[in-house]
């Protein structure tokens, strides 16, 4: 099996987890403060990760070669995650995910500058097609930009930085090590703000918290594994499929309307992804 196919399969796992996270994130933050949701997700996620840690040799094998990069990556990712959950309750699901997909612009630039990856013509075309599709869906020039949209943009910038740092970390740390330090560092970061706003979750919210913790933990494992098999400029455009899929979830679960603009944007995004995967094989 080619590295590109392996990366695509791991990204399919990432996509499934992220779509479930949209629903779980919105449901939990309807009742609980975002700080508390993030802290509980990290703590529960760390417990869920332990079987995989045990299979990989236990805690003694979780030593990282890049402690400073791990800390920096997780501070940025924590902030991006906070913004993402906030935006999820301020604007429609399709808009949150669409705005998040300014991420490939920043990721591609950072990958070329810091990771010295090549940005060929077809990769550029794939990214441009995806971004045009996102613009059609969001239609930012059709009115004023809301605070929710600005918060979603901040999340995108943070996630792009996190993606680049993950790619850098995979050169010396295993995905399980990256995941362990993400859970551990973010648990420490969020402890005080979570305790400040703490309230005991209702019985209805506990299942959603467990689901959120699982997909939030293993989605990043899938992304890290995908990054091992392909460049960031190949992996990230695959994630464009999350835009039309998130629009579908918003329609099915929250009755958020899908119009002709969403359909047209989704079509361009799909073409960009297929073009990117086809040219990556050659």
Protein backbone atom coordinates (compact mmCIF):
# COMPACT_ATOMS: atom_id res chain seq x y z
CA UNK A 1 0.00 0.00 0.00
CA UNK A 2 1.40 3.39 -1.01
CA UNK A 3 2.17 6.08 1.61
CA UNK A 4 -0.49 8.35 0.08
CA UNK A 5 -3.20 5.70 0.49
CA UNK A 6 -2.11 5.09 4.09
CA UNK A 7 -2.27 8.83 4.79
CA UNK A 8 -5.74 9.00 3.20
CA UNK A 9 -7.02 6.14 5.39
CA UNK A 10 -5.72 7.77 8.56
CA UNK A 11 -7.31 11.04 7.45
CA UNK A 12 -10.64 9.21 7.02
CA UNK A 13 -10.41 8.33 10.71
CA UNK A 14 -9.63 11.96 11.50
CA UNK A 15 -12.67 13.14 9.51
CA UNK A 16 -15.03 10.72 11.25
CA UNK A 17 -13.79 11.80 14.68
CA UNK A 18 -14.00 15.50 13.87
CA UNK A 19 -17.59 15.26 12.63
CA UNK A 20 -18.68 13.49 15.80
CA UNK A 21 -16.76 16.12 17.79
CA UNK A 22 -18.87 18.89 16.23
CA UNK A 23 -22.06 17.44 17.70
CA UNK A 24 -20.49 16.41 21.03
CA UNK A 25 -18.81 19.80 21.42
CA UNK A 26 -22.00 21.75 20.81
CA UNK A 27 -24.04 19.53 23.15
CA UNK A 28 -21.58 19.75 26.05
CA UNK A 29 -20.96 23.51 25.79
CA UNK A 30 -24.71 24.18 25.88
CA UNK A 31 -24.59 23.26 29.57
CA UNK A 32 -20.96 23.60 30.70
CA UNK A 33 -18.34 26.33 30.39
CA UNK A 34 -15.81 25.76 27.60
CA UNK A 35 -12.91 25.68 30.10
CA UNK A 36 -14.56 22.85 32.02
CA UNK A 37 -15.39 20.90 28.87
CA UNK A 38 -11.78 21.13 27.68
CA UNK A 39 -10.39 20.06 31.05
CA UNK A 40 -12.70 17.08 31.36
CA UNK A 41 -11.92 16.10 27.79
CA UNK A 42 -8.19 16.11 28.54
CA UNK A 43 -8.49 14.14 31.80
CA UNK A 44 -10.88 11.52 30.41
CA UNK A 45 -8.91 11.38 27.15
CA UNK A 46 -5.69 10.69 29.05
CA UNK A 47 -7.37 7.73 30.78
CA UNK A 48 -8.66 6.46 27.42
CA UNK A 49 -5.18 6.77 25.94
CA UNK A 50 -3.57 4.64 28.65
CA UNK A 51 -4.26 1.22 27.00
CA UNK A 52 -2.39 2.42 23.92
CA UNK A 53 0.40 3.79 26.13
CA UNK A 54 0.62 0.40 27.89
CA UNK A 55 0.86 -1.44 24.55
CA UNK A 56 3.74 0.85 23.56
CA UNK A 57 5.83 0.10 26.68
CA UNK A 58 4.19 2.17 29.40
CA UNK A 59 4.87 5.64 30.76
CA UNK A 60 8.64 5.15 30.73
CA UNK A 61 8.55 5.21 26.90
CA UNK A 62 6.65 8.51 26.76
CA UNK A 63 9.81 10.61 27.01
CA UNK A 64 9.89 13.29 24.30
CA UNK A 65 12.91 14.56 22.39
CA UNK A 66 11.34 17.99 22.03
CA UNK A 67 9.97 19.23 25.39
CA UNK A 68 9.94 22.90 24.38
CA UNK A 69 8.18 22.21 21.09
CA UNK A 70 5.65 20.00 22.87
CA UNK A 71 4.88 22.79 25.33
CA UNK A 72 4.64 25.44 22.61
CA UNK A 73 2.46 23.30 20.38
CA UNK A 74 0.00 22.53 23.13
CA UNK A 75 -0.29 26.10 24.40
CA UNK A 76 -1.21 27.16 20.85
CA UNK A 77 -3.51 24.19 20.33
CA UNK A 78 -5.30 24.82 23.64
CA UNK A 79 -6.08 28.38 22.58
CA UNK A 80 -7.23 27.28 19.12
CA UNK A 81 -9.44 24.59 20.60
CA UNK A 82 -11.02 27.10 22.99
CA UNK A 83 -11.83 29.44 20.09
CA UNK A 84 -13.26 26.56 18.03
CA UNK A 85 -15.66 25.47 20.77
CA UNK A 86 -16.73 29.06 21.38
CA UNK A 87 -17.44 29.65 17.69
CA UNK A 88 -19.43 26.41 17.49
CA UNK A 89 -22.14 28.01 19.63
CA UNK A 90 -22.08 31.40 17.90
CA UNK A 91 -22.42 30.58 14.19
CA UNK A 92 -23.71 27.62 12.09
CA UNK A 93 -21.62 24.44 11.92
CA UNK A 94 -20.86 24.83 8.20
CA UNK A 95 -19.53 28.35 8.78
CA UNK A 96 -17.27 27.27 11.65
CA UNK A 97 -15.73 24.48 9.62
CA UNK A 98 -15.52 26.59 6.46
CA UNK A 99 -13.70 29.47 8.14
CA UNK A 100 -11.41 26.94 9.79
CA UNK A 101 -10.33 26.00 6.28
CA UNK A 102 -8.33 29.13 5.81
CA UNK A 103 -5.96 26.75 7.68
CA UNK A 104 -4.33 25.35 4.49
CA UNK A 105 -3.17 28.85 3.50
CA UNK A 106 -1.23 29.24 6.73
CA UNK A 107 -0.18 25.57 6.80
CA UNK A 108 1.19 25.64 3.25
CA UNK A 109 3.16 28.82 3.90
CA UNK A 110 4.55 27.52 7.20
CA UNK A 111 5.38 24.10 5.69
CA UNK A 112 7.41 25.72 2.92
CA UNK A 113 9.17 28.21 5.21
CA UNK A 114 9.85 26.06 8.28
CA UNK A 115 9.75 22.45 7.04
CA UNK A 116 11.25 23.12 3.59
CA UNK A 117 8.49 21.15 1.88
CA UNK A 118 7.88 21.61 -1.86
CA UNK A 119 4.71 23.36 -2.96
CA UNK A 120 4.19 22.21 -6.54
CA UNK A 121 1.72 23.63 -9.06
CA UNK A 122 -0.96 20.99 -8.53
CA UNK A 123 -0.85 21.29 -4.75
CA UNK A 124 -1.34 25.03 -5.14
CA UNK A 125 -4.28 24.45 -7.52
CA UNK A 126 -5.85 21.98 -5.04
CA UNK A 127 -5.56 24.46 -2.18
CA UNK A 128 -6.89 27.34 -4.29
CA UNK A 129 -9.91 25.32 -5.43
CA UNK A 130 -10.64 24.37 -1.83
CA UNK A 131 -10.40 27.95 -0.61
CA UNK A 132 -12.64 29.22 -3.41
CA UNK A 133 -15.17 26.59 -2.36
CA UNK A 134 -14.94 27.72 1.25
CA UNK A 135 -15.40 31.38 0.22
CA UNK A 136 -18.52 30.47 -1.77
CA UNK A 137 -19.98 28.75 1.29
CA UNK A 138 -19.16 31.52 3.78
CA UNK A 139 -19.73 34.50 1.42
CA UNK A 140 -17.77 36.96 3.62
CA UNK A 141 -18.55 39.93 1.35
CA UNK A 142 -22.29 39.47 1.70
CA UNK A 143 -22.53 41.36 4.99
CA UNK A 144 -20.67 42.17 8.19
CA UNK A 145 -18.32 39.63 9.75
CA UNK A 146 -19.66 38.46 13.11
CA UNK A 147 -17.60 37.94 16.31
CA UNK A 148 -18.15 34.20 15.88
CA UNK A 149 -16.49 34.31 12.46
CA UNK A 150 -13.49 36.22 13.85
CA UNK A 151 -13.14 33.71 16.70
CA UNK A 152 -13.27 30.86 14.16
CA UNK A 153 -10.50 32.57 12.15
CA UNK A 154 -8.33 32.76 15.28
CA UNK A 155 -8.92 29.04 15.76
CA UNK A 156 -7.78 28.42 12.19
CA UNK A 157 -4.51 30.29 12.71
CA UNK A 158 -3.85 28.33 15.89
CA UNK A 159 -4.64 24.98 14.30
CA UNK A 160 -2.34 25.72 11.36
CA UNK A 161 0.54 26.40 13.74
CA UNK A 162 -0.30 23.20 15.61
CA UNK A 163 -0.30 21.14 12.40
CA UNK A 164 3.17 22.35 11.46
CA UNK A 165 4.51 21.64 14.93
CA UNK A 166 2.99 18.13 14.83
CA UNK A 167 4.73 17.45 11.51
CA UNK A 168 8.00 18.62 13.06
CA UNK A 169 7.46 16.48 16.17
CA UNK A 170 6.78 13.31 14.14
CA UNK A 171 10.38 13.41 12.94
CA UNK A 172 11.57 12.27 16.36
CA UNK A 173 8.53 11.41 18.52
CA UNK A 174 5.99 8.63 17.93
CA UNK A 175 2.32 9.65 17.53
CA UNK A 176 1.49 8.08 20.90
CA UNK A 177 4.14 10.26 22.58
CA UNK A 178 2.71 13.36 20.92
CA UNK A 179 -0.77 12.39 22.09
CA UNK A 180 0.36 11.74 25.66
CA UNK A 181 2.02 15.12 25.99
CA UNK A 182 -0.97 16.87 24.43
CA UNK A 183 -3.31 15.40 27.03
CA UNK A 184 -0.90 15.93 29.93
CA UNK A 185 0.09 19.52 29.10
CA UNK A 186 -3.45 20.65 28.33
CA UNK A 187 -4.70 19.09 31.56
CA UNK A 188 -2.24 21.25 33.49
CA UNK A 189 -2.98 24.40 31.45
CA UNK A 190 -6.74 24.13 31.94
CA UNK A 191 -6.86 23.03 35.56
CA UNK A 192 -7.25 26.43 37.28
CA UNK A 193 -9.74 28.03 34.83
CA UNK A 194 -11.82 24.83 34.85
CA UNK A 195 -12.00 24.74 38.65
CA UNK A 196 -13.00 28.41 38.68
CA UNK A 197 -16.12 27.74 36.58
CA UNK A 198 -16.79 24.14 37.71
CA UNK A 199 -20.30 22.72 37.95
CA UNK A 200 -21.26 19.06 38.15
CA UNK A 201 -22.43 17.76 34.74
CA UNK A 202 -25.95 16.41 34.41
CA UNK A 203 -26.62 12.77 33.54
CA UNK A 204 -27.49 13.83 29.99
CA UNK A 205 -24.10 15.44 29.42
CA UNK A 206 -21.83 12.64 30.70
CA UNK A 207 -22.21 10.41 27.59
CA UNK A 208 -21.40 13.39 25.37
CA UNK A 209 -18.31 14.18 27.46
CA UNK A 210 -17.08 10.60 27.07
CA UNK A 211 -17.69 10.67 23.31
CA UNK A 212 -15.98 14.06 23.02
CA UNK A 213 -12.97 12.77 24.97
CA UNK A 214 -12.62 9.68 22.79
CA UNK A 215 -12.86 11.40 19.41
CA UNK A 216 -10.83 14.37 20.65
CA UNK A 217 -8.03 12.03 21.69
CA UNK A 218 -7.89 9.62 18.78
CA UNK A 219 -8.55 12.19 16.05
CA UNK A 220 -5.12 13.65 16.77
CA UNK A 221 -3.59 10.19 16.73
CA UNK A 222 -5.04 9.72 13.23
CA UNK A 223 -3.66 13.09 12.11
CA UNK A 224 -0.19 12.32 13.51
CA UNK A 225 -0.15 8.94 11.72
CA UNK A 226 -1.23 10.59 8.46
CA UNK A 227 1.61 13.09 8.82
CA UNK A 228 4.07 10.19 9.09
CA UNK A 229 3.08 8.96 5.63
CA UNK A 230 2.80 12.22 3.65
CA UNK A 231 3.77 15.90 3.65
CA UNK A 232 1.58 18.43 5.41
CA UNK A 233 0.76 20.00 2.00
CA UNK A 234 -0.66 16.61 0.92
CA UNK A 235 -2.46 15.68 4.14
CA UNK A 236 -4.18 18.97 4.96
CA UNK A 237 -6.10 19.41 1.66
CA UNK A 238 -7.71 15.99 2.28
CA UNK A 239 -9.36 17.60 5.29
CA UNK A 240 -11.32 19.91 2.96
CA UNK A 241 -13.92 17.13 2.77
CA UNK A 242 -14.91 18.07 6.31
CA UNK A 243 -16.67 21.20 4.99
CA UNK A 244 -19.45 19.53 2.97
CA UNK A 245 -19.68 16.70 5.51
CA UNK A 246 -20.07 19.21 8.37
CA UNK A 247 -22.76 21.03 6.39
CA UNK A 248 -24.58 17.71 6.05
CA UNK A 249 -24.29 17.09 9.81
CA UNK A 250 -25.62 20.59 10.53
CA UNK A 251 -28.61 19.91 8.28
CA UNK A 252 -29.37 16.44 9.68
CA UNK A 253 -28.85 17.19 13.39
CA UNK A 254 -29.63 20.92 13.75
CA UNK A 255 -31.80 21.61 10.67
CA UNK A 256 -29.27 24.16 9.38
CA UNK A 257 -30.11 24.92 5.76
CA UNK A 258 -27.87 23.76 2.90
CA UNK A 259 -28.28 26.10 -0.09
CA UNK A 260 -26.87 26.20 -3.64
CA UNK A 261 -23.77 28.04 -2.42
CA UNK A 262 -22.90 25.23 0.00
CA UNK A 263 -23.41 22.66 -2.77
CA UNK A 264 -21.23 24.60 -5.26
CA UNK A 265 -18.49 25.17 -2.70
CA UNK A 266 -18.53 21.52 -1.68
CA UNK A 267 -18.14 20.47 -5.33
CA UNK A 268 -15.01 22.63 -5.75
CA UNK A 269 -13.59 21.30 -2.50
CA UNK A 270 -14.11 17.71 -3.66
CA UNK A 271 -12.44 18.41 -7.04
CA UNK A 272 -9.46 19.96 -5.27
CA UNK A 273 -9.07 16.93 -3.02
CA UNK A 274 -9.29 14.43 -5.88
CA UNK A 275 -6.78 16.43 -7.89
CA UNK A 276 -4.41 16.63 -4.93
CA UNK A 277 -4.58 12.86 -4.28
CA UNK A 278 -4.19 11.95 -7.94
CA UNK A 279 -1.13 14.12 -8.49
CA UNK A 280 0.43 13.03 -5.18
CA UNK A 281 0.52 9.43 -6.44
CA UNK A 282 2.45 10.32 -9.57
